[in-house]
Amino acid sequence: MSLNRLKLTVAAVAVSAAIGGAYALGQNPSGNAPAAVPPPVAVAAPVVTPAIVPTPAGYPDMRSIVAANAPAVVNISVTGNRKTAMSGPQIDPDDPFFQFFRQFRGMIPQDNTPTRGLGSGFIITADGTILTNAHVVADAEEVIVKLNDKREFTAKILGLDPASDVAVLKIDGKNLPTVRIGNSKATQVGDWVLAIGSPFGFESSASAGIVSAKSRSLPDGSYVPFLQTDVAVNPGNSGGPLFNLQGEVIGINSQIYSRSGGYQGLSFAIPVEVAMGVERQIVAHGKVERGRLGVAIQEINQSLADSFGLPRPAGALVSSVDKDGPAARAGLEAGDVIVGIDGQTVEASGELPAIVAAKRPNESIRLQVWRNKAMREIPVKLGAFQEEKLAAAEPPDADRGRLGVAVRPLTPEEKRGSGIDAGLLVERAGGPAARAGIRPGDVILAVNGEAVGSAEKLRALLAKSGKKAALLVERGDTRLFVPVDLG
């Protein structure tokens, strides 16, 4: 349309409007008397209700989960003091100038530094019991809980358990919104999950993803069998709930793996069964008690399974047994593979510490153990919990060849210093041994569960090992089995 025509069109509209206005005023172009104009009638504007768009077929209904549960998810802010090293030279308190520096320059070795923190949590009882992470409220002098409706409460810390990273708080409230507790064991890898929390202080933020793995063990040595997800979790999400599609809590978002400090696709949640077990003990007794087996364990891979004649790579391989511990008193040995406890299957080594820790001290259990290519059952009376050590497995290698080590027996001084009765010190490592991770300074204690004290015994055991062998090695304070492909 040309500009001139556009102007004409606009003008025509204006003229029409003017004529219409004349009619409204009762001026009749025919010259007759003007008609009576009825008074204006007030008409109420229609109320427009936003349309609720249903969730498309085949997609998870995250909207209803957030609507039902966001009121029970809380923001936690913490203030406190933490001992931190002061900058500048460190001064001995016995130094005569210590008081001078303290009074006039403030340069003392340590001082209380104010700290502030943010986290999340969720209400599990209508009278105000809240679960969060222990690291969120550690060293706190004041804990403020803010609800979704903006109400704020000062919370009391009923107890915290660093071993599981679970803390229990209490606020004074009535008829508070609560979450529903689910079952993480029924969750499968690939299931949709949703997190609600306060990342970077942004309250009631929701993010979703799937379960990436179950029973994940982390290098911090924790006994918790974490749920791994790809849900976006960031600082401030810690302590918040992880929901399944039924709107039930199946975990507490606890930590992330990141090179940047922010979310990179690896999030870890504490299974809700672990958290609720901690909560029950803290509320009832004010502390947490756990059973202890007294072993160091490592994961079974295919090479180790072949070395020990296991039908498949499953279970927890015992790499060392604590002297005078419950396992030692029961007769457990390095090289045993624990495949079950009281009939409950142990598929991965990370499951064992959690199962044992769920038991009470002095409780009697029965271990299903694979030893010398046969199953046996060993009764054990548990002790009191100390964190079960997890030995990091060395990666196997598929190359073939001789073992490739130069070894010598330990000297009497080395035996006394290390507490080892017999073993072979590795002076040089090459070939299959080096490729499997054996290195100078390691002490070879056994091959496929049989102790070695001489090079001749080592050669004899390797000769009858076939294509694979599992070497029990002491490295520093850690013992672990290293699978070696002998070809």
Protein backbone atom coordinates (compact mmCIF):
# COMPACT_ATOMS: atom_id res chain seq x y z
CA MET A 1 0.00 0.00 0.00
CA SER A 2 1.41 3.45 -1.02
CA LEU A 3 1.95 6.19 1.54
CA ASN A 4 -0.71 8.47 -0.07
CA ARG A 5 -3.28 5.71 -0.04
CA LEU A 6 -2.43 4.92 3.57
CA LYS A 7 -3.11 8.55 4.48
CA LEU A 8 -6.43 8.48 2.62
CA THR A 9 -7.48 5.37 4.42
CA VAL A 10 -6.65 6.82 7.81
CA ALA A 11 -8.54 10.00 6.90
CA ALA A 12 -11.59 8.03 5.86
CA VAL A 13 -11.59 6.25 9.18
CA ALA A 14 -11.35 9.58 10.96
CA VAL A 15 -14.31 11.00 9.02
CA SER A 16 -16.37 7.92 9.72
CA ALA A 17 -15.62 8.24 13.39
CA ALA A 18 -16.73 11.87 13.32
CA ILE A 19 -20.02 10.95 11.66
CA GLY A 20 -20.55 8.20 14.20
CA GLY A 21 -19.94 10.74 16.92
CA ALA A 22 -22.62 12.96 15.48
CA TYR A 23 -25.12 10.13 15.58
CA ALA A 24 -24.27 9.49 19.16
CA LEU A 25 -25.11 13.06 20.01
CA GLY A 26 -28.59 12.76 18.40
CA GLN A 27 -28.01 15.02 15.42
CA ASN A 28 -30.10 13.64 12.56
CA PRO A 29 -28.81 14.60 9.12
CA SER A 30 -32.41 14.53 7.79
CA GLY A 31 -33.31 17.63 9.89
CA ASN A 32 -35.88 15.88 12.09
CA ALA A 33 -35.94 16.35 15.85
CA PRO A 34 -33.16 14.55 17.58
CA ALA A 35 -34.06 11.19 19.09
CA ALA A 36 -33.80 10.64 22.81
CA VAL A 37 -30.51 9.08 23.83
CA PRO A 38 -30.76 6.37 26.50
CA PRO A 39 -28.44 6.78 29.49
CA PRO A 40 -25.20 4.76 29.39
CA VAL A 41 -25.32 1.33 31.03
CA ALA A 42 -22.32 0.18 33.09
CA VAL A 43 -21.08 -3.22 31.97
CA ALA A 44 -18.59 -5.16 34.14
CA ALA A 45 -15.45 -6.28 32.37
CA PRO A 46 -15.33 -10.05 31.98
CA VAL A 47 -12.93 -11.90 34.33
CA VAL A 48 -10.25 -13.64 32.30
CA THR A 49 -8.94 -16.87 33.88
CA PRO A 50 -5.55 -18.02 32.54
CA ALA A 51 -5.95 -21.25 30.66
CA ILE A 52 -4.25 -24.23 32.32
CA VAL A 53 -2.37 -25.99 29.60
CA PRO A 54 -2.18 -29.72 30.27
CA THR A 55 1.19 -31.45 30.28
CA PRO A 56 1.82 -32.89 26.80
CA ALA A 57 1.32 -36.63 26.56
CA GLY A 58 4.47 -38.59 27.25
CA TYR A 59 6.15 -35.83 29.31
CA PRO A 60 6.54 -36.02 33.11
CA ASP A 61 4.18 -33.80 35.10
CA MET A 62 6.80 -31.74 36.94
CA ARG A 63 4.34 -28.88 37.45
CA SER A 64 2.13 -30.72 39.94
CA ILE A 65 5.18 -32.01 41.86
CA VAL A 66 6.46 -28.45 42.34
CA ALA A 67 3.02 -27.12 43.27
CA ALA A 68 2.46 -29.83 45.88
CA ASN A 69 5.92 -29.79 47.46
CA ALA A 70 7.47 -26.33 47.13
CA PRO A 71 5.69 -25.09 50.30
CA ALA A 72 7.55 -27.77 52.34
CA VAL A 73 10.99 -26.89 50.93
CA VAL A 74 12.83 -24.28 53.01
CA ASN A 75 15.69 -21.86 52.57
CA ILE A 76 18.36 -22.07 55.27
CA SER A 77 20.72 -19.22 56.12
CA VAL A 78 23.51 -19.71 58.62
CA THR A 79 25.74 -17.35 60.57
CA GLY A 80 28.61 -18.39 62.78
CA ASN A 81 32.31 -18.17 63.52
CA ARG A 82 35.05 -20.41 62.30
CA LYS A 83 38.67 -20.66 63.40
CA THR A 84 40.86 -19.44 60.54
CA ALA A 85 44.55 -18.68 60.25
CA MET A 86 45.38 -14.97 60.26
CA SER A 87 47.43 -13.45 57.48
CA GLY A 88 50.94 -12.29 58.24
CA PRO A 89 53.62 -13.88 60.41
CA GLN A 90 52.58 -16.57 62.85
CA ILE A 91 53.52 -15.72 66.44
CA ASP A 92 54.13 -18.11 69.31
CA PRO A 93 51.72 -17.32 72.18
CA ASP A 94 54.66 -17.72 74.57
CA ASP A 95 56.60 -15.02 72.73
CA PRO A 96 56.89 -11.87 74.91
CA PHE A 97 55.64 -9.78 71.99
CA PHE A 98 52.49 -11.90 71.58
CA GLN A 99 50.33 -9.63 73.77
CA PHE A 100 51.71 -6.56 72.03
CA PHE A 101 50.69 -7.85 68.63
CA ARG A 102 47.36 -9.03 69.98
CA GLN A 103 46.47 -5.64 71.46
CA PHE A 104 47.83 -3.32 68.84
CA ARG A 105 48.09 -5.20 65.58
CA GLY A 106 45.70 -8.14 65.94
CA MET A 107 48.26 -10.53 64.48
CA ILE A 108 47.60 -13.72 66.43
CA PRO A 109 47.90 -17.21 64.92
CA GLN A 110 44.14 -17.83 64.71
CA ASP A 111 41.01 -15.80 65.03
CA ASN A 112 37.26 -16.24 64.82
CA THR A 113 36.13 -15.27 61.33
CA PRO A 114 32.43 -14.55 60.81
CA THR A 115 30.92 -16.96 58.31
CA ARG A 116 27.66 -16.98 56.41
CA GLY A 117 26.14 -19.82 54.46
CA LEU A 118 23.09 -20.72 52.46
CA GLY A 119 21.42 -24.04 51.88
CA SER A 120 18.12 -25.82 51.53
CA GLY A 121 16.07 -28.30 53.52
CA PHE A 122 12.63 -29.85 53.72
CA ILE A 123 9.99 -30.34 56.40
CA ILE A 124 9.15 -33.93 57.30
CA THR A 125 6.77 -33.40 60.25
CA ALA A 126 3.93 -30.91 60.67
CA ASP A 127 5.44 -29.64 63.94
CA GLY A 128 8.67 -28.56 62.25
CA THR A 129 11.29 -31.33 61.92
CA ILE A 130 13.58 -30.50 59.00
CA LEU A 131 16.27 -32.47 57.18
CA THR A 132 19.29 -30.83 55.53
CA ASN A 133 23.02 -31.46 55.02
CA ALA A 134 25.38 -31.49 57.98
CA HIS A 135 27.85 -29.30 56.08
CA VAL A 136 25.17 -26.61 55.67
CA VAL A 137 24.80 -26.03 59.43
CA ALA A 138 28.24 -27.07 60.70
CA ASP A 139 29.83 -24.40 62.95
CA ALA A 140 26.55 -22.47 62.98
CA GLU A 141 25.67 -20.10 65.81
CA GLU A 142 22.32 -19.13 64.32
CA VAL A 143 20.19 -20.94 61.77
CA ILE A 144 17.30 -19.11 60.12
CA VAL A 145 14.70 -21.11 58.20
CA LYS A 146 12.54 -19.30 55.66
CA LEU A 147 9.40 -20.97 54.35
CA ASN A 148 7.98 -20.65 50.86
CA ASP A 149 5.28 -18.27 52.25
CA LYS A 150 8.05 -15.92 53.58
CA ARG A 151 7.61 -16.86 57.25
CA GLU A 152 10.92 -17.11 59.11
CA PHE A 153 11.89 -19.25 62.11
CA THR A 154 15.01 -19.64 64.20
CA ALA A 155 15.91 -23.32 64.07
CA LYS A 156 17.47 -25.54 66.70
CA ILE A 157 20.02 -28.14 65.57
CA LEU A 158 18.87 -31.44 67.08
CA GLY A 159 21.96 -33.20 65.78
CA LEU A 160 24.22 -33.65 62.81
CA ASP A 161 26.07 -36.65 61.44
CA PRO A 162 29.19 -35.77 59.41
CA ALA A 163 29.64 -39.39 58.31
CA SER A 164 26.43 -39.28 56.29
CA ASP A 165 26.30 -35.47 55.87
CA VAL A 166 22.79 -35.38 57.35
CA ALA A 167 21.53 -32.86 59.93
CA VAL A 168 18.19 -32.65 61.74
CA LEU A 169 16.71 -29.24 62.61
CA LYS A 170 13.60 -28.24 64.56
CA ILE A 171 11.44 -25.12 64.31
CA ASP A 172 8.42 -24.26 66.43
CA GLY A 173 5.42 -24.58 64.14
CA LYS A 174 2.04 -26.21 63.75
CA ASN A 175 0.27 -27.64 60.73
CA LEU A 176 3.29 -26.99 58.55
CA PRO A 177 3.41 -28.38 55.01
CA THR A 178 5.40 -31.61 54.71
CA VAL A 179 6.86 -33.80 52.00
CA ARG A 180 6.12 -37.48 51.42
CA ILE A 181 8.99 -39.91 51.94
CA GLY A 182 9.58 -42.44 49.16
CA ASN A 183 11.92 -45.36 48.52
CA SER A 184 15.15 -44.80 46.61
CA LYS A 185 15.66 -48.55 46.21
CA ALA A 186 12.71 -48.67 43.83
CA THR A 187 14.28 -45.97 41.67
CA GLN A 188 15.97 -47.13 38.49
CA VAL A 189 18.69 -45.59 36.36
CA GLY A 190 16.98 -43.46 33.73
CA ASP A 191 14.02 -42.47 35.93
CA TRP A 192 13.01 -38.80 35.91
CA VAL A 193 13.75 -36.86 39.11
CA LEU A 194 13.23 -33.27 40.23
CA ALA A 195 15.09 -31.06 42.72
CA ILE A 196 13.77 -28.02 44.57
CA GLY A 197 16.07 -25.72 46.50
CA SER A 198 17.78 -22.34 46.74
CA PRO A 199 20.78 -22.33 44.36
CA PHE A 200 22.85 -19.19 45.00
CA GLY A 201 20.03 -18.02 47.28
CA PHE A 202 17.32 -18.09 44.60
CA GLU A 203 14.49 -19.61 46.62
CA SER A 204 12.10 -22.31 45.38
CA SER A 205 14.06 -23.04 42.23
CA ALA A 206 13.18 -26.29 40.48
CA SER A 207 15.41 -28.33 38.16
CA ALA A 208 14.91 -31.76 36.63
CA GLY A 209 16.87 -34.61 35.11
CA ILE A 210 17.31 -38.35 35.36
CA VAL A 211 19.02 -40.82 37.66
CA SER A 212 22.45 -41.45 36.13
CA ALA A 213 23.67 -44.19 38.49
CA LYS A 214 22.95 -45.81 41.85
CA SER A 215 25.15 -46.89 44.79
CA ARG A 216 27.92 -44.56 43.68
CA SER A 217 30.95 -44.50 46.00
CA LEU A 218 32.88 -41.24 46.18
CA PRO A 219 36.60 -40.77 46.91
CA ASP A 220 35.89 -39.00 50.22
CA GLY A 221 35.53 -42.43 51.82
CA SER A 222 31.90 -41.88 52.79
CA TYR A 223 29.87 -45.03 53.36
CA VAL A 224 26.85 -43.44 51.65
CA PRO A 225 25.72 -45.22 48.43
CA PHE A 226 24.94 -42.02 46.51
CA LEU A 227 22.33 -41.55 43.81
CA GLN A 228 24.02 -39.88 40.85
CA THR A 229 21.83 -37.59 38.73
CA ASP A 230 22.22 -35.01 35.99
CA VAL A 231 19.84 -32.61 37.77
CA ALA A 232 21.24 -29.05 37.83
CA VAL A 233 22.46 -28.63 41.41
CA ASN A 234 24.51 -25.62 42.51
CA PRO A 235 25.75 -24.06 45.77
CA GLY A 236 22.65 -23.41 47.86
CA ASN A 237 20.88 -26.56 46.65
CA SER A 238 22.67 -28.58 49.35
CA GLY A 239 20.20 -30.18 51.73
CA GLY A 240 17.24 -29.84 49.39
CA PRO A 241 15.00 -32.75 48.38
CA LEU A 242 15.19 -34.93 45.28
CA PHE A 243 11.72 -36.12 44.15
CA ASN A 244 10.54 -38.98 41.98
CA LEU A 245 7.58 -38.63 39.61
CA GLN A 246 5.19 -39.70 42.38
CA GLY A 247 6.17 -36.54 44.27
CA GLU A 248 8.04 -38.52 46.94
CA VAL A 249 11.44 -37.61 48.36
CA ILE A 250 14.04 -40.23 47.43
CA GLY A 251 17.20 -38.32 48.34
CA ILE A 252 18.91 -35.24 49.76
CA ASN A 253 21.01 -33.28 47.25
CA SER A 254 24.44 -33.23 48.80
CA GLN A 255 27.35 -32.54 46.47
CA ILE A 256 28.52 -32.09 42.91
CA TYR A 257 31.59 -32.92 40.87
CA SER A 258 32.86 -29.80 39.17
CA ARG A 259 36.01 -28.21 37.82
CA SER A 260 34.44 -24.75 37.91
CA GLY A 261 32.59 -24.81 41.25
CA GLY A 262 29.25 -24.86 39.42
CA TYR A 263 27.05 -27.54 37.92
CA GLN A 264 28.68 -29.70 35.24
CA GLY A 265 26.22 -32.57 34.97
CA LEU A 266 27.32 -34.67 37.99
CA SER A 267 25.12 -34.33 41.07
CA PHE A 268 24.95 -36.68 44.04
CA ALA A 269 22.12 -37.27 46.50
CA ILE A 270 22.02 -39.15 49.80
CA PRO A 271 19.39 -41.93 49.61
CA VAL A 272 16.40 -41.04 51.76
CA GLU A 273 16.62 -44.34 53.67
CA VAL A 274 20.06 -43.32 54.98
CA ALA A 275 18.79 -39.87 55.96
CA MET A 276 15.68 -41.17 57.72
CA GLY A 277 17.76 -43.70 59.64
CA VAL A 278 19.96 -40.87 60.90
CA GLU A 279 16.90 -38.77 61.77
CA ARG A 280 15.31 -41.57 63.81
CA GLN A 281 18.45 -42.11 65.87
CA ILE A 282 19.09 -38.41 66.45
CA VAL A 283 15.51 -37.76 67.57
CA ALA A 284 15.47 -40.85 69.80
CA HIS A 285 19.00 -40.84 71.22
CA GLY A 286 20.66 -37.57 70.21
CA LYS A 287 23.41 -39.45 68.37
CA VAL A 288 23.97 -42.02 65.64
CA GLU A 289 25.32 -45.52 66.27
CA ARG A 290 26.42 -47.85 63.50
CA GLY A 291 27.84 -51.30 63.12
CA ARG A 292 31.47 -51.84 62.12
CA LEU A 293 33.00 -54.78 60.28
CA GLY A 294 36.65 -53.73 60.27
CA VAL A 295 37.81 -54.35 56.71
CA ALA A 296 39.20 -52.41 53.78
CA ILE A 297 37.39 -53.26 50.56
CA GLN A 298 37.63 -52.59 46.85
CA GLU A 299 35.53 -53.04 43.75
CA ILE A 300 35.51 -56.30 41.79
CA ASN A 301 36.19 -55.91 38.07
CA GLN A 302 36.30 -58.60 35.41
CA SER A 303 40.03 -59.24 35.80
CA LEU A 304 39.73 -59.74 39.56
CA ALA A 305 36.66 -61.90 39.10
CA ASP A 306 38.63 -64.11 36.70
CA SER A 307 41.54 -64.29 39.15
CA PHE A 308 39.33 -65.44 42.01
CA GLY A 309 37.14 -67.69 39.88
CA LEU A 310 33.99 -65.68 40.46
CA PRO A 311 31.12 -66.39 38.06
CA ARG A 312 30.71 -62.64 37.49
CA PRO A 313 32.26 -59.36 38.76
CA ALA A 314 30.09 -58.66 41.79
CA GLY A 315 30.62 -58.23 45.53
CA ALA A 316 33.14 -56.47 47.77
CA LEU A 317 36.73 -57.72 47.71
CA VAL A 318 38.41 -57.67 51.13
CA SER A 319 41.89 -56.20 50.64
CA SER A 320 42.84 -56.10 54.34
CA VAL A 321 41.38 -56.99 57.73
CA ASP A 322 41.87 -54.81 60.80
CA LYS A 323 43.76 -56.62 63.52
CA ASP A 324 41.54 -57.53 66.47
CA GLY A 325 38.49 -56.16 64.62
CA PRO A 326 35.13 -57.92 64.29
CA ALA A 327 36.00 -59.38 60.88
CA ALA A 328 39.37 -60.67 62.08
CA ARG A 329 37.77 -62.34 65.10
CA ALA A 330 35.25 -64.01 62.80
CA GLY A 331 37.98 -65.39 60.55
CA LEU A 332 37.58 -63.14 57.52
CA GLU A 333 40.68 -63.00 55.31
CA ALA A 334 42.15 -60.76 52.65
CA GLY A 335 41.01 -62.15 49.31
CA ASP A 336 37.53 -63.03 50.54
CA VAL A 337 34.73 -61.61 48.42
CA ILE A 338 31.64 -60.59 50.38
CA VAL A 339 28.65 -61.20 48.11
CA GLY A 340 25.85 -60.96 50.66
CA ILE A 341 24.82 -60.02 54.21
CA ASP A 342 21.96 -61.91 55.85
CA GLY A 343 20.80 -62.96 52.41
CA GLN A 344 20.88 -59.41 51.00
CA THR A 345 22.99 -59.39 47.84
CA VAL A 346 26.04 -57.10 47.66
CA GLU A 347 26.45 -56.22 43.99
CA ALA A 348 29.04 -53.45 44.36
CA SER A 349 31.63 -52.69 47.02
CA GLY A 350 30.01 -49.32 47.70
CA GLU A 351 26.89 -51.07 49.00
CA LEU A 352 28.69 -52.94 51.78
CA PRO A 353 29.58 -50.04 54.13
CA ALA A 354 26.02 -48.71 54.00
CA ILE A 355 24.50 -52.11 54.79
CA VAL A 356 26.88 -52.66 57.71
CA ALA A 357 26.42 -49.12 59.02
CA ALA A 358 22.65 -49.64 59.08
CA LYS A 359 23.17 -52.39 61.65
CA ARG A 360 23.64 -51.70 65.36
CA PRO A 361 26.86 -52.33 67.32
CA ASN A 362 27.05 -55.85 68.78
CA GLU A 363 24.44 -57.09 66.31
CA SER A 364 25.17 -60.53 64.84
CA ILE A 365 25.09 -60.93 61.07
CA ARG A 366 25.92 -63.69 58.58
CA LEU A 367 28.20 -62.93 55.65
CA GLN A 368 27.97 -64.83 52.38
CA VAL A 369 31.61 -65.09 51.28
CA TRP A 370 33.38 -66.42 48.19
CA ARG A 371 36.68 -68.07 49.15
CA ASN A 372 38.83 -70.52 47.20
CA LYS A 373 36.23 -70.70 44.42
CA ALA A 374 33.45 -71.80 46.77
CA MET A 375 30.69 -70.14 48.80
CA ARG A 376 30.67 -70.21 52.58
CA GLU A 377 28.78 -68.42 55.34
CA ILE A 378 30.65 -66.63 58.14
CA PRO A 379 28.88 -65.30 61.27
CA VAL A 380 30.17 -61.95 62.57
CA LYS A 381 29.35 -59.92 65.66
CA LEU A 382 29.68 -56.27 64.65
CA GLY A 383 31.60 -53.63 66.55
CA ALA A 384 31.01 -49.88 66.80
CA PHE A 385 31.29 -47.80 63.63
CA GLN A 386 34.47 -46.33 62.29
CA GLU A 387 34.49 -45.37 58.65
CA GLU A 388 35.18 -48.39 56.47
CA LYS A 389 38.18 -47.68 54.28
CA LEU A 390 37.75 -47.92 50.54
CA ALA A 391 40.87 -48.94 48.63
CA ALA A 392 41.19 -47.36 45.20
CA ALA A 393 41.55 -50.08 42.59
CA GLU A 394 44.38 -49.76 40.10
CA PRO A 395 43.31 -49.99 36.46
CA PRO A 396 43.95 -53.36 34.81
CA ASP A 397 45.78 -53.67 31.52
CA ALA A 398 45.16 -56.15 28.71
CA ASP A 399 48.77 -56.42 27.51
CA ARG A 400 50.49 -59.78 27.77
CA GLY A 401 53.93 -60.81 28.97
CA ARG A 402 55.95 -61.70 32.08
CA LEU A 403 55.16 -60.07 35.43
CA GLY A 404 58.25 -57.90 34.98
CA VAL A 405 59.30 -57.01 38.54
CA ALA A 406 62.57 -57.05 40.44
CA VAL A 407 61.84 -57.92 44.07
CA ARG A 408 63.67 -58.71 47.29
CA PRO A 409 62.54 -59.95 50.72
CA LEU A 410 61.95 -57.36 53.42
CA THR A 411 64.79 -56.76 55.87
CA PRO A 412 64.14 -57.34 59.59
CA GLU A 413 64.15 -53.57 60.09
CA GLU A 414 61.59 -53.08 57.33
CA LYS A 415 59.40 -55.80 58.82
CA ARG A 416 59.47 -54.16 62.23
CA GLY A 417 58.81 -50.72 60.82
CA SER A 418 55.90 -51.80 58.64
CA GLY A 419 54.42 -54.51 60.83
CA ILE A 420 54.54 -56.95 57.91
CA ASP A 421 55.62 -60.50 58.66
CA ALA A 422 56.51 -61.45 55.10
CA GLY A 423 56.46 -59.88 51.68
CA LEU A 424 58.53 -58.86 48.67
CA LEU A 425 59.61 -55.27 48.12
CA VAL A 426 59.33 -54.15 44.49
CA GLU A 427 62.57 -52.44 43.42
CA ARG A 428 61.78 -52.16 39.70
CA ALA A 429 58.57 -52.67 37.75
CA GLY A 430 58.04 -53.15 34.05
CA GLY A 431 55.93 -55.14 31.59
CA PRO A 432 52.53 -56.35 32.76
CA ALA A 433 53.19 -55.34 36.39
CA ALA A 434 53.93 -51.72 35.48
CA ARG A 435 50.98 -51.57 33.13
CA ALA A 436 48.73 -52.84 35.92
CA GLY A 437 49.97 -50.11 38.26
CA ILE A 438 52.64 -51.94 40.30
CA ARG A 439 55.48 -49.53 41.12
CA PRO A 440 58.77 -49.45 43.07
CA GLY A 441 58.20 -49.32 46.80
CA ASP A 442 55.12 -51.55 46.70
CA VAL A 443 55.23 -54.68 48.85
CA ILE A 444 53.74 -57.81 47.28
CA LEU A 445 52.08 -59.81 50.06
CA ALA A 446 50.10 -62.50 48.22
CA VAL A 447 49.10 -63.87 44.84
CA ASN A 448 45.48 -65.00 44.47
CA GLY A 449 45.14 -65.06 48.23
CA GLU A 450 48.34 -67.11 48.95
CA ALA A 451 51.10 -65.38 50.92
CA VAL A 452 54.52 -64.92 49.36
CA GLY A 453 57.80 -64.58 51.23
CA SER A 454 60.35 -65.35 48.55
CA ALA A 455 60.91 -64.78 44.86
CA GLU A 456 60.71 -68.54 44.30
CA LYS A 457 57.26 -68.68 45.90
CA LEU A 458 56.17 -65.72 43.78
CA ARG A 459 57.29 -67.45 40.57
CA ALA A 460 55.57 -70.69 41.58
CA LEU A 461 52.29 -68.98 42.31
CA LEU A 462 52.42 -67.02 39.05
CA ALA A 463 53.17 -70.20 37.10
CA LYS A 464 49.90 -71.79 38.18
CA SER A 465 47.83 -68.62 37.89
CA GLY A 466 47.00 -68.99 34.22
CA LYS A 467 46.41 -65.82 32.27
CA LYS A 468 45.43 -63.59 35.19
CA ALA A 469 46.60 -63.06 38.75
CA ALA A 470 45.47 -60.87 41.63
CA LEU A 471 48.40 -59.44 43.59
CA LEU A 472 47.79 -58.21 47.13
CA VAL A 473 49.98 -55.13 47.49
CA GLU A 474 50.73 -52.84 50.42
CA ARG A 475 51.34 -49.23 49.42
CA GLY A 476 51.89 -46.85 52.29
CA ASP A 477 49.09 -47.53 54.78
CA THR A 478 46.77 -49.08 52.19
CA ARG A 479 46.40 -52.65 51.01
CA LEU A 480 44.72 -53.41 47.70
CA PHE A 481 44.44 -56.17 45.14
CA VAL A 482 45.87 -55.36 41.71
CA PRO A 483 44.71 -57.51 38.79
CA VAL A 484 47.54 -58.37 36.35
CA ASP A 485 47.13 -59.86 32.90
CA LEU A 486 49.98 -62.37 32.54
CA GLY A 487 49.18 -63.47 29.00
